[in-house]
């Protein structure tokens, strides 16, 4: 995978968790709370959000 080859670069591009929260707030403002869904299927992602 490209992540393994360019691990340092991939880590630098990793979005902070604050961006995830900002995105959720944006969707709530745009479409409403009823349109937010958060899954827990993180086993297939290569790079989780930064803390």
PDB file of N, CA and C in Angstrom:
ATOM      1  N   UNK A   1       0.829  -1.193   0.000  1.00  0.00           N
ATOM      2  CA  UNK A   1       0.000   0.000   0.000  1.00  0.00           C
ATOM      3  C   UNK A   1       0.870   1.252   0.000  1.00  0.00           C
ATOM      4  N   UNK A   2       0.305   2.283  -0.527  1.00  0.00           N
ATOM      5  CA  UNK A   2       1.035   3.547  -0.597  1.00  0.00           C
ATOM      6  C   UNK A   2       1.296   4.119   0.799  1.00  0.00           C
ATOM      7  N   UNK A   3       0.393   3.836   1.740  1.00  0.00           N
ATOM      8  CA  UNK A   3       0.587   4.300   3.115  1.00  0.00           C
ATOM      9  C   UNK A   3       1.868   3.718   3.708  1.00  0.00           C
ATOM     10  N   UNK A   4       2.118   2.467   3.452  1.00  0.00           N
ATOM     11  CA  UNK A   4       3.326   1.833   3.984  1.00  0.00           C
ATOM     12  C   UNK A   4       4.585   2.406   3.355  1.00  0.00           C
ATOM     13  N   UNK A   5       4.516   2.719   2.074  1.00  0.00           N
ATOM     14  CA  UNK A   5       5.676   3.249   1.372  1.00  0.00           C
ATOM     15  C   UNK A   5       5.987   4.675   1.795  1.00  0.00           C
ATOM     16  N   UNK A   6       4.958   5.463   2.011  1.00  0.00           N
ATOM     17  CA  UNK A   6       5.123   6.886   2.358  1.00  0.00           C
ATOM     18  C   UNK A   6       4.486   7.181   3.716  1.00  0.00           C
ATOM     19  N   UNK A   7       4.885   6.428   4.717  1.00  0.00           N
ATOM     20  CA  UNK A   7       4.274   6.526   6.048  1.00  0.00           C
ATOM     21  C   UNK A   7       4.378   7.931   6.637  1.00  0.00           C
ATOM     22  N   UNK A   8       5.535   8.553   6.576  1.00  0.00           N
ATOM     23  CA  UNK A   8       5.733   9.887   7.158  1.00  0.00           C
ATOM     24  C   UNK A   8       4.851  10.915   6.469  1.00  0.00           C
ATOM     25  N   UNK A   9       4.792  10.856   5.157  1.00  0.00           N
ATOM     26  CA  UNK A   9       3.961  11.801   4.408  1.00  0.00           C
ATOM     27  C   UNK A   9       2.479  11.589   4.706  1.00  0.00           C
ATOM     28  N   UNK A  10       2.077  10.335   4.814  1.00  0.00           N
ATOM     29  CA  UNK A  10       0.676  10.026   5.112  1.00  0.00           C
ATOM     30  C   UNK A  10       0.289  10.540   6.491  1.00  0.00           C
ATOM     31  N   UNK A  11       1.180  10.402   7.462  1.00  0.00           N
ATOM     32  CA  UNK A  11       0.897  10.895   8.810  1.00  0.00           C
ATOM     33  C   UNK A  11       0.756  12.421   8.811  1.00  0.00           C
ATOM     34  N   UNK A  12       1.560  13.098   8.001  1.00  0.00           N
ATOM     35  CA  UNK A  12       1.491  14.558   7.934  1.00  0.00           C
ATOM     36  C   UNK A  12       0.171  15.030   7.333  1.00  0.00           C
ATOM     37  N   UNK A  13      -0.427  14.238   6.461  1.00  0.00           N
ATOM     38  CA  UNK A  13      -1.691  14.603   5.820  1.00  0.00           C
ATOM     39  C   UNK A  13      -2.913  14.150   6.614  1.00  0.00           C
ATOM     40  N   UNK A  14      -2.697  13.445   7.690  1.00  0.00           N
ATOM     41  CA  UNK A  14      -3.772  12.918   8.519  1.00  0.00           C
ATOM     42  C   UNK A  14      -4.562  14.068   9.148  1.00  0.00           C
ATOM     43  N   UNK A  15      -5.864  14.036   8.975  1.00  0.00           N
ATOM     44  CA  UNK A  15      -6.719  15.107   9.501  1.00  0.00           C
ATOM     45  C   UNK A  15      -6.843  15.021  11.013  1.00  0.00           C
ATOM     46  N   UNK A  16      -6.805  16.150  11.703  1.00  0.00           N
ATOM     47  CA  UNK A  16      -7.020  16.130  13.157  1.00  0.00           C
ATOM     48  C   UNK A  16      -8.485  15.810  13.490  1.00  0.00           C
ATOM     49  N   UNK A  17      -8.694  15.256  14.655  1.00  0.00           N
ATOM     50  CA  UNK A  17     -10.040  14.892  15.090  1.00  0.00           C
ATOM     51  C   UNK A  17     -10.956  16.114  15.133  1.00  0.00           C
ATOM     52  N   UNK A  18     -10.387  17.288  15.389  1.00  0.00           N
ATOM     53  CA  UNK A  18     -11.188  18.519  15.417  1.00  0.00           C
ATOM     54  C   UNK A  18     -11.876  18.754  14.066  1.00  0.00           C
ATOM     55  N   UNK A  19     -11.253  18.305  12.970  1.00  0.00           N
ATOM     56  CA  UNK A  19     -11.875  18.447  11.652  1.00  0.00           C
ATOM     57  C   UNK A  19     -13.099  17.549  11.528  1.00  0.00           C
ATOM     58  N   UNK A  20     -13.048  16.384  12.150  1.00  0.00           N
ATOM     59  CA  UNK A  20     -14.189  15.478  12.138  1.00  0.00           C
ATOM     60  C   UNK A  20     -15.375  16.142  12.845  1.00  0.00           C
ATOM     61  N   UNK A  21     -15.118  16.721  14.003  1.00  0.00           N
ATOM     62  CA  UNK A  21     -16.171  17.419  14.753  1.00  0.00           C
ATOM     63  C   UNK A  21     -16.706  18.606  13.962  1.00  0.00           C
ATOM     64  N   UNK A  22     -15.804  19.357  13.345  1.00  0.00           N
ATOM     65  CA  UNK A  22     -16.212  20.510  12.529  1.00  0.00           C
ATOM     66  C   UNK A  22     -17.109  20.063  11.371  1.00  0.00           C
ATOM     67  N   UNK A  23     -16.771  18.949  10.758  1.00  0.00           N
ATOM     68  CA  UNK A  23     -17.567  18.419   9.651  1.00  0.00           C
ATOM     69  C   UNK A  23     -18.958  17.992  10.134  1.00  0.00           C
ATOM     70  N   UNK A  24     -19.022  17.329  11.278  1.00  0.00           N
ATOM     71  CA  UNK A  24     -20.315  16.923  11.834  1.00  0.00           C
ATOM     72  C   UNK A  24     -21.182  18.142  12.121  1.00  0.00           C
ATOM     73  N   UNK A  25     -20.603  19.170  12.719  1.00  0.00           N
ATOM     74  CA  UNK A  25     -21.354  20.400  12.991  1.00  0.00           C
ATOM     75  C   UNK A  25     -21.856  21.044  11.707  1.00  0.00           C
ATOM     76  N   UNK A  26     -21.045  20.993  10.658  1.00  0.00           N
ATOM     77  CA  UNK A  26     -21.445  21.560   9.366  1.00  0.00           C
ATOM     78  C   UNK A  26     -22.653  20.815   8.794  1.00  0.00           C
ATOM     79  N   UNK A  27     -22.624  19.486   8.855  1.00  0.00           N
ATOM     80  CA  UNK A  27     -23.747  18.698   8.335  1.00  0.00           C
ATOM     81  C   UNK A  27     -25.011  18.960   9.151  1.00  0.00           C
ATOM     82  N   UNK A  28     -24.879  19.102  10.466  1.00  0.00           N
ATOM     83  CA  UNK A  28     -26.038  19.423  11.303  1.00  0.00           C
ATOM     84  C   UNK A  28     -26.631  20.763  10.876  1.00  0.00           C
ATOM     85  N   UNK A  29     -25.782  21.742  10.649  1.00  0.00           N
ATOM     86  CA  UNK A  29     -26.251  23.067  10.236  1.00  0.00           C
ATOM     87  C   UNK A  29     -26.873  23.021   8.839  1.00  0.00           C
ATOM     88  N   UNK A  30     -26.289  22.221   7.952  1.00  0.00           N
ATOM     89  CA  UNK A  30     -26.751  22.147   6.571  1.00  0.00           C
ATOM     90  C   UNK A  30     -28.045  21.353   6.422  1.00  0.00           C
ATOM     91  N   UNK A  31     -28.092  20.152   7.037  1.00  0.00           N
ATOM     92  CA  UNK A  31     -29.212  19.246   6.800  1.00  0.00           C
ATOM     93  C   UNK A  31     -30.039  18.933   8.038  1.00  0.00           C
ATOM     94  N   UNK A  32     -29.470  19.133   9.214  1.00  0.00           N
ATOM     95  CA  UNK A  32     -30.195  18.840  10.438  1.00  0.00           C
ATOM     96  C   UNK A  32     -29.634  17.629  11.160  1.00  0.00           C
ATOM     97  N   UNK A  33     -29.935  17.557  12.422  1.00  0.00           N
ATOM     98  CA  UNK A  33     -29.422  16.506  13.295  1.00  0.00           C
ATOM     99  C   UNK A  33     -29.866  15.108  12.859  1.00  0.00           C
ATOM    100  N   UNK A  34     -31.044  15.008  12.243  1.00  0.00           N
ATOM    101  CA  UNK A  34     -31.559  13.705  11.820  1.00  0.00           C
ATOM    102  C   UNK A  34     -30.735  13.069  10.705  1.00  0.00           C
ATOM    103  N   UNK A  35     -29.836  13.812  10.096  1.00  0.00           N
ATOM    104  CA  UNK A  35     -29.055  13.299   8.977  1.00  0.00           C
ATOM    105  C   UNK A  35     -27.613  12.969   9.351  1.00  0.00           C
ATOM    106  N   UNK A  36     -27.332  12.922  10.628  1.00  0.00           N
ATOM    107  CA  UNK A  36     -25.996  12.559  11.099  1.00  0.00           C
ATOM    108  C   UNK A  36     -25.993  11.086  11.480  1.00  0.00           C
ATOM    109  N   UNK A  37     -25.005  10.385  10.975  1.00  0.00           N
ATOM    110  CA  UNK A  37     -24.836   8.980  11.332  1.00  0.00           C
ATOM    111  C   UNK A  37     -23.356   8.713  11.552  1.00  0.00           C
ATOM    112  N   UNK A  38     -23.034   8.085  12.645  1.00  0.00           N
ATOM    113  CA  UNK A  38     -21.641   7.781  12.945  1.00  0.00           C
ATOM    114  C   UNK A  38     -21.519   6.271  13.082  1.00  0.00           C
ATOM    115  N   UNK A  39     -20.716   5.681  12.216  1.00  0.00           N
ATOM    116  CA  UNK A  39     -20.494   4.244  12.257  1.00  0.00           C
ATOM    117  C   UNK A  39     -19.282   3.910  13.097  1.00  0.00           C
ATOM    118  N   UNK A  40     -19.146   2.661  13.397  1.00  0.00           N
ATOM    119  CA  UNK A  40     -18.000   2.234  14.194  1.00  0.00           C
ATOM    120  C   UNK A  40     -17.143   1.234  13.433  1.00  0.00           C
ATOM    121  N   UNK A  41     -17.185   1.278  12.138  1.00  0.00           N
ATOM    122  CA  UNK A  41     -16.441   0.336  11.304  1.00  0.00           C
ATOM    123  C   UNK A  41     -15.068   0.908  10.960  1.00  0.00           C
ATOM    124  N   UNK A  42     -14.251   1.087  11.968  1.00  0.00           N
ATOM    125  CA  UNK A  42     -12.931   1.655  11.757  1.00  0.00           C
ATOM    126  C   UNK A  42     -11.864   0.594  11.522  1.00  0.00           C
ATOM    127  N   UNK A  43     -12.266  -0.670  11.437  1.00  0.00           N
ATOM    128  CA  UNK A  43     -11.268  -1.717  11.253  1.00  0.00           C
ATOM    129  C   UNK A  43     -10.680  -1.735   9.850  1.00  0.00           C
ATOM    130  N   UNK A  44     -11.315  -1.094   8.895  1.00  0.00           N
ATOM    131  CA  UNK A  44     -10.826  -1.122   7.524  1.00  0.00           C
ATOM    132  C   UNK A  44     -10.030   0.105   7.111  1.00  0.00           C
ATOM    133  N   UNK A  45      -9.888   1.088   7.987  1.00  0.00           N
ATOM    134  CA  UNK A  45      -9.152   2.299   7.604  1.00  0.00           C
ATOM    135  C   UNK A  45      -7.679   2.141   7.935  1.00  0.00           C
ATOM    136  N   UNK A  46      -6.858   2.740   7.112  1.00  0.00           N
ATOM    137  CA  UNK A  46      -5.419   2.685   7.310  1.00  0.00           C
ATOM    138  C   UNK A  46      -4.945   3.716   8.333  1.00  0.00           C
ATOM    139  N   UNK A  47      -5.555   4.906   8.277  1.00  0.00           N
ATOM    140  CA  UNK A  47      -5.074   6.007   9.109  1.00  0.00           C
ATOM    141  C   UNK A  47      -6.261   6.660   9.823  1.00  0.00           C
ATOM    142  N   UNK A  48      -6.390   6.507  11.133  1.00  0.00           N
ATOM    143  CA  UNK A  48      -7.474   7.181  11.846  1.00  0.00           C
ATOM    144  C   UNK A  48      -7.167   8.671  12.021  1.00  0.00           C
ATOM    145  N   UNK A  49      -8.157   9.497  12.380  1.00  0.00           N
ATOM    146  CA  UNK A  49      -7.887  10.910  12.635  1.00  0.00           C
ATOM    147  C   UNK A  49      -6.896  11.091  13.773  1.00  0.00           C
ATOM    148  N   UNK A  50      -6.142  12.183  13.694  1.00  0.00           N
ATOM    149  CA  UNK A  50      -5.221  12.518  14.784  1.00  0.00           C
ATOM    150  C   UNK A  50      -6.026  12.888  16.007  1.00  0.00           C
ATOM    151  N   UNK A  51      -5.442  12.701  17.180  1.00  0.00           N
ATOM    152  CA  UNK A  51      -6.116  13.089  18.406  1.00  0.00           C
ATOM    153  C   UNK A  51      -5.849  14.514  18.722  1.00  0.00           C
TER     154      UNK A  51
END
